Amino acid sequence: MTFGPIFIDHIGIATNELEPASRFWELIGLVQGDSDEVVADQGVKTRFFSTSTPFDGKPSKIELLEPTSAETPIGRFLSKRGPGIQQLCFRVGNLEGLLAHLMENGVRLIDEVPRLGAGGMKIAFVHPSSTGGVLVELAQA
């Protein structure tokens, strides 16, 4: 079975405020995206920074995540753990097929059906209990 290509799309970092959290990523030379985006159903404001463009033309990114309120998933993450890496996202070629494959193999999913994420991507999350403690996001353009 193939669900690819599969590569790291971005690393999501929870932060209380986008502006001060952006400084380091700018200083090391990452390129900030054109605009921030609010994903209302997830209660988050996102800002992406791209790494250098690899040979395939699709750079990996850093995604800063600022909660729109304390009662959102990112707000709760921050209150429990503080700022830091919240999730690892893999871009896949066949999200629905991969989700079905994972379910058939007993992997616990947060989203069994893809939903709309930042940048118009179809996304689904895999529960950390099935990944060794890491929240994994799967995304397809």
C-alpha atoms as a PDB file:
ATOM      1  CA  MET A   1       0.000   0.000   0.000  1.00  0.00           C
ATOM      2  CA  THR A   2       1.187   3.476  -0.731  1.00  0.00           C
ATOM      3  CA  PHE A   3      -0.058   6.665   0.843  1.00  0.00           C
ATOM      4  CA  GLY A   4       2.743   8.901  -0.324  1.00  0.00           C
ATOM      5  CA  PRO A   5       4.620  10.776  -0.923  1.00  0.00           C
ATOM      6  CA  ILE A   6       4.949  11.303   2.823  1.00  0.00           C
ATOM      7  CA  PHE A   7       7.157  14.003   4.324  1.00  0.00           C
ATOM      8  CA  ILE A   8       7.285  16.335   7.308  1.00  0.00           C
ATOM      9  CA  ASP A   9       5.008  19.258   6.482  1.00  0.00           C
ATOM     10  CA  HIS A  10       5.407  21.228   9.704  1.00  0.00           C
ATOM     11  CA  ILE A  11       6.045  21.208  13.422  1.00  0.00           C
ATOM     12  CA  GLY A  12       3.335  22.963  15.431  1.00  0.00           C
ATOM     13  CA  ILE A  13       4.468  25.038  18.397  1.00  0.00           C
ATOM     14  CA  ALA A  14       1.984  26.326  20.957  1.00  0.00           C
ATOM     15  CA  THR A  15       2.631  29.875  22.109  1.00  0.00           C
ATOM     16  CA  ASN A  16       0.789  32.481  24.129  1.00  0.00           C
ATOM     17  CA  GLU A  17       1.492  35.238  21.574  1.00  0.00           C
ATOM     18  CA  LEU A  18       2.617  35.054  17.950  1.00  0.00           C
ATOM     19  CA  GLU A  19       4.685  38.243  17.885  1.00  0.00           C
ATOM     20  CA  PRO A  20       7.307  37.485  20.552  1.00  0.00           C
ATOM     21  CA  ALA A  21       7.384  33.805  19.524  1.00  0.00           C
ATOM     22  CA  SER A  22       8.192  34.797  15.929  1.00  0.00           C
ATOM     23  CA  ARG A  23      11.427  36.607  16.685  1.00  0.00           C
ATOM     24  CA  PHE A  24      13.696  33.552  16.934  1.00  0.00           C
ATOM     25  CA  TRP A  25      12.401  32.005  13.711  1.00  0.00           C
ATOM     26  CA  GLU A  26      12.998  35.297  11.896  1.00  0.00           C
ATOM     27  CA  LEU A  27      16.499  35.625  13.366  1.00  0.00           C
ATOM     28  CA  ILE A  28      17.604  32.234  12.055  1.00  0.00           C
ATOM     29  CA  GLY A  29      16.340  33.128   8.589  1.00  0.00           C
ATOM     30  CA  LEU A  30      13.038  31.324   8.215  1.00  0.00           C
ATOM     31  CA  VAL A  31      10.598  33.106   5.921  1.00  0.00           C
ATOM     32  CA  GLN A  32       7.253  34.150   7.408  1.00  0.00           C
ATOM     33  CA  GLY A  33       4.172  33.330   5.344  1.00  0.00           C
ATOM     34  CA  ASP A  34       2.077  36.053   3.749  1.00  0.00           C
ATOM     35  CA  SER A  35      -0.571  36.230   6.475  1.00  0.00           C
ATOM     36  CA  ASP A  36      -1.765  34.743   9.732  1.00  0.00           C
ATOM     37  CA  GLU A  37      -4.892  32.612   9.670  1.00  0.00           C
ATOM     38  CA  VAL A  38      -7.611  32.027  12.254  1.00  0.00           C
ATOM     39  CA  VAL A  39      -9.019  28.496  12.198  1.00  0.00           C
ATOM     40  CA  ALA A  40     -12.238  29.150  14.093  1.00  0.00           C
ATOM     41  CA  ASP A  41     -13.353  25.560  14.728  1.00  0.00           C
ATOM     42  CA  GLN A  42      -9.964  24.816  16.328  1.00  0.00           C
ATOM     43  CA  GLY A  43      -9.846  28.126  18.220  1.00  0.00           C
ATOM     44  CA  VAL A  44      -6.389  28.997  16.976  1.00  0.00           C
ATOM     45  CA  LYS A  45      -4.507  31.694  15.112  1.00  0.00           C
ATOM     46  CA  THR A  46      -1.635  30.302  13.039  1.00  0.00           C
ATOM     47  CA  ARG A  47       1.530  31.766  11.562  1.00  0.00           C
ATOM     48  CA  PHE A  48       3.829  29.705   9.337  1.00  0.00           C
ATOM     49  CA  PHE A  49       7.571  30.050   8.752  1.00  0.00           C
ATOM     50  CA  SER A  50       9.184  28.146   5.868  1.00  0.00           C
ATOM     51  CA  THR A  51      12.558  26.485   5.895  1.00  0.00           C
ATOM     52  CA  SER A  52      14.754  26.562   2.798  1.00  0.00           C
ATOM     53  CA  THR A  53      13.148  25.034  -0.274  1.00  0.00           C
ATOM     54  CA  PRO A  54      14.329  21.454  -0.831  1.00  0.00           C
ATOM     55  CA  PHE A  55      14.662  19.793  -4.224  1.00  0.00           C
ATOM     56  CA  ASP A  56      10.963  18.870  -4.371  1.00  0.00           C
ATOM     57  CA  GLY A  57       9.954  22.520  -3.913  1.00  0.00           C
ATOM     58  CA  LYS A  58       7.877  21.915  -0.749  1.00  0.00           C
ATOM     59  CA  PRO A  59       9.687  23.295   2.297  1.00  0.00           C
ATOM     60  CA  SER A  60       8.995  22.034   5.791  1.00  0.00           C
ATOM     61  CA  LYS A  61       7.569  24.700   8.091  1.00  0.00           C
ATOM     62  CA  ILE A  62       7.267  25.835  11.656  1.00  0.00           C
ATOM     63  CA  GLU A  63       3.661  26.635  12.633  1.00  0.00           C
ATOM     64  CA  LEU A  64       3.142  28.909  15.612  1.00  0.00           C
ATOM     65  CA  LEU A  65      -0.216  28.350  17.308  1.00  0.00           C
ATOM     66  CA  GLU A  66      -1.823  31.074  19.426  1.00  0.00           C
ATOM     67  CA  PRO A  67      -5.127  30.193  21.136  1.00  0.00           C
ATOM     68  CA  THR A  68      -8.126  32.427  20.584  1.00  0.00           C
ATOM     69  CA  SER A  69      -9.221  31.611  24.155  1.00  0.00           C
ATOM     70  CA  ALA A  70      -8.125  29.533  27.136  1.00  0.00           C
ATOM     71  CA  GLU A  71     -10.867  26.959  26.440  1.00  0.00           C
ATOM     72  CA  THR A  72      -9.511  25.855  23.054  1.00  0.00           C
ATOM     73  CA  PRO A  73      -7.261  22.815  22.507  1.00  0.00           C
ATOM     74  CA  ILE A  74      -4.163  25.045  22.272  1.00  0.00           C
ATOM     75  CA  GLY A  75      -5.304  27.093  25.275  1.00  0.00           C
ATOM     76  CA  ARG A  76      -5.654  23.904  27.330  1.00  0.00           C
ATOM     77  CA  PHE A  77      -2.293  22.622  26.059  1.00  0.00           C
ATOM     78  CA  LEU A  78      -0.607  25.833  27.193  1.00  0.00           C
ATOM     79  CA  SER A  79      -2.228  25.752  30.637  1.00  0.00           C
ATOM     80  CA  LYS A  80      -1.108  22.125  31.191  1.00  0.00           C
ATOM     81  CA  ARG A  81       2.325  22.098  29.540  1.00  0.00           C
ATOM     82  CA  GLY A  82       3.303  25.669  28.703  1.00  0.00           C
ATOM     83  CA  PRO A  83       4.729  26.801  25.370  1.00  0.00           C
ATOM     84  CA  GLY A  84       6.404  24.185  23.217  1.00  0.00           C
ATOM     85  CA  ILE A  85       6.007  21.589  20.493  1.00  0.00           C
ATOM     86  CA  GLN A  86       2.354  20.598  20.279  1.00  0.00           C
ATOM     87  CA  GLN A  87       2.293  18.386  17.172  1.00  0.00           C
ATOM     88  CA  LEU A  88       4.218  16.933  14.256  1.00  0.00           C
ATOM     89  CA  CYS A  89       2.492  17.087  10.867  1.00  0.00           C
ATOM     90  CA  PHE A  90       3.133  14.771   7.930  1.00  0.00           C
ATOM     91  CA  ARG A  91       1.862  15.671   4.462  1.00  0.00           C
ATOM     92  CA  VAL A  92       0.562  12.558   2.710  1.00  0.00           C
ATOM     93  CA  GLY A  93      -0.643  11.803  -0.783  1.00  0.00           C
ATOM     94  CA  ASN A  94      -3.705   9.755   0.206  1.00  0.00           C
ATOM     95  CA  LEU A  95      -5.148  10.854   3.549  1.00  0.00           C
ATOM     96  CA  GLU A  96      -8.397   8.858   3.402  1.00  0.00           C
ATOM     97  CA  GLY A  97      -6.544   5.684   2.430  1.00  0.00           C
ATOM     98  CA  LEU A  98      -3.991   6.148   5.198  1.00  0.00           C
ATOM     99  CA  LEU A  99      -6.705   6.759   7.819  1.00  0.00           C
ATOM    100  CA  ALA A 100      -8.518   3.567   6.762  1.00  0.00           C
ATOM    101  CA  HIS A 101      -5.224   1.628   6.904  1.00  0.00           C
ATOM    102  CA  LEU A 102      -4.443   2.974  10.393  1.00  0.00           C
ATOM    103  CA  MET A 103      -7.933   2.131  11.691  1.00  0.00           C
ATOM    104  CA  GLU A 104      -7.700  -1.405  10.236  1.00  0.00           C
ATOM    105  CA  ASN A 105      -4.491  -1.814  12.207  1.00  0.00           C
ATOM    106  CA  GLY A 106      -5.888  -0.631  15.544  1.00  0.00           C
ATOM    107  CA  VAL A 107      -4.374   2.850  15.587  1.00  0.00           C
ATOM    108  CA  ARG A 108      -6.395   5.254  17.732  1.00  0.00           C
ATOM    109  CA  LEU A 109      -7.449   8.320  15.765  1.00  0.00           C
ATOM    110  CA  ILE A 110      -8.826  11.618  16.989  1.00  0.00           C
ATOM    111  CA  ASP A 111     -10.287  12.235  13.512  1.00  0.00           C
ATOM    112  CA  GLU A 112     -11.512   9.220  11.549  1.00  0.00           C
ATOM    113  CA  VAL A 113     -12.703  11.562   8.789  1.00  0.00           C
ATOM    114  CA  PRO A 114     -10.577  14.455   7.480  1.00  0.00           C
ATOM    115  CA  ARG A 115     -11.580  18.019   8.338  1.00  0.00           C
ATOM    116  CA  LEU A 116     -10.531  21.420   7.055  1.00  0.00           C
ATOM    117  CA  GLY A 117      -7.345  22.865   8.535  1.00  0.00           C
ATOM    118  CA  ALA A 118      -5.132  25.902   8.029  1.00  0.00           C
ATOM    119  CA  GLY A 119      -4.299  26.776   4.440  1.00  0.00           C
ATOM    120  CA  GLY A 120      -7.256  24.777   3.132  1.00  0.00           C
ATOM    121  CA  MET A 121      -5.534  21.473   3.882  1.00  0.00           C
ATOM    122  CA  LYS A 122      -7.519  18.339   4.706  1.00  0.00           C
ATOM    123  CA  ILE A 123      -6.283  17.201   8.122  1.00  0.00           C
ATOM    124  CA  ALA A 124      -6.752  14.435  10.678  1.00  0.00           C
ATOM    125  CA  PHE A 125      -5.067  13.832  14.022  1.00  0.00           C
ATOM    126  CA  VAL A 126      -3.695  10.574  15.415  1.00  0.00           C
ATOM    127  CA  HIS A 127      -4.011  10.113  19.178  1.00  0.00           C
ATOM    128  CA  PRO A 128      -0.689  10.280  21.071  1.00  0.00           C
ATOM    129  CA  SER A 129      -1.454   6.923  22.733  1.00  0.00           C
ATOM    130  CA  SER A 130      -0.775   5.254  19.369  1.00  0.00           C
ATOM    131  CA  THR A 131       2.390   7.184  18.449  1.00  0.00           C
ATOM    132  CA  GLY A 132       4.581   6.965  21.523  1.00  0.00           C
ATOM    133  CA  GLY A 133       3.227  10.147  23.073  1.00  0.00           C
ATOM    134  CA  VAL A 134       3.367  12.532  20.082  1.00  0.00           C
ATOM    135  CA  LEU A 135       0.266  14.202  18.662  1.00  0.00           C
ATOM    136  CA  VAL A 136       0.563  13.518  14.922  1.00  0.00           C
ATOM    137  CA  GLU A 137      -1.327  15.510  12.323  1.00  0.00           C
ATOM    138  CA  LEU A 138      -1.779  14.063   8.854  1.00  0.00           C
ATOM    139  CA  ALA A 139      -2.492  16.517   6.043  1.00  0.00           C
ATOM    140  CA  GLN A 140      -3.272  16.470   2.344  1.00  0.00           C
ATOM    141  CA  ALA A 141      -3.417  19.441  -0.022  1.00  0.00           C
END
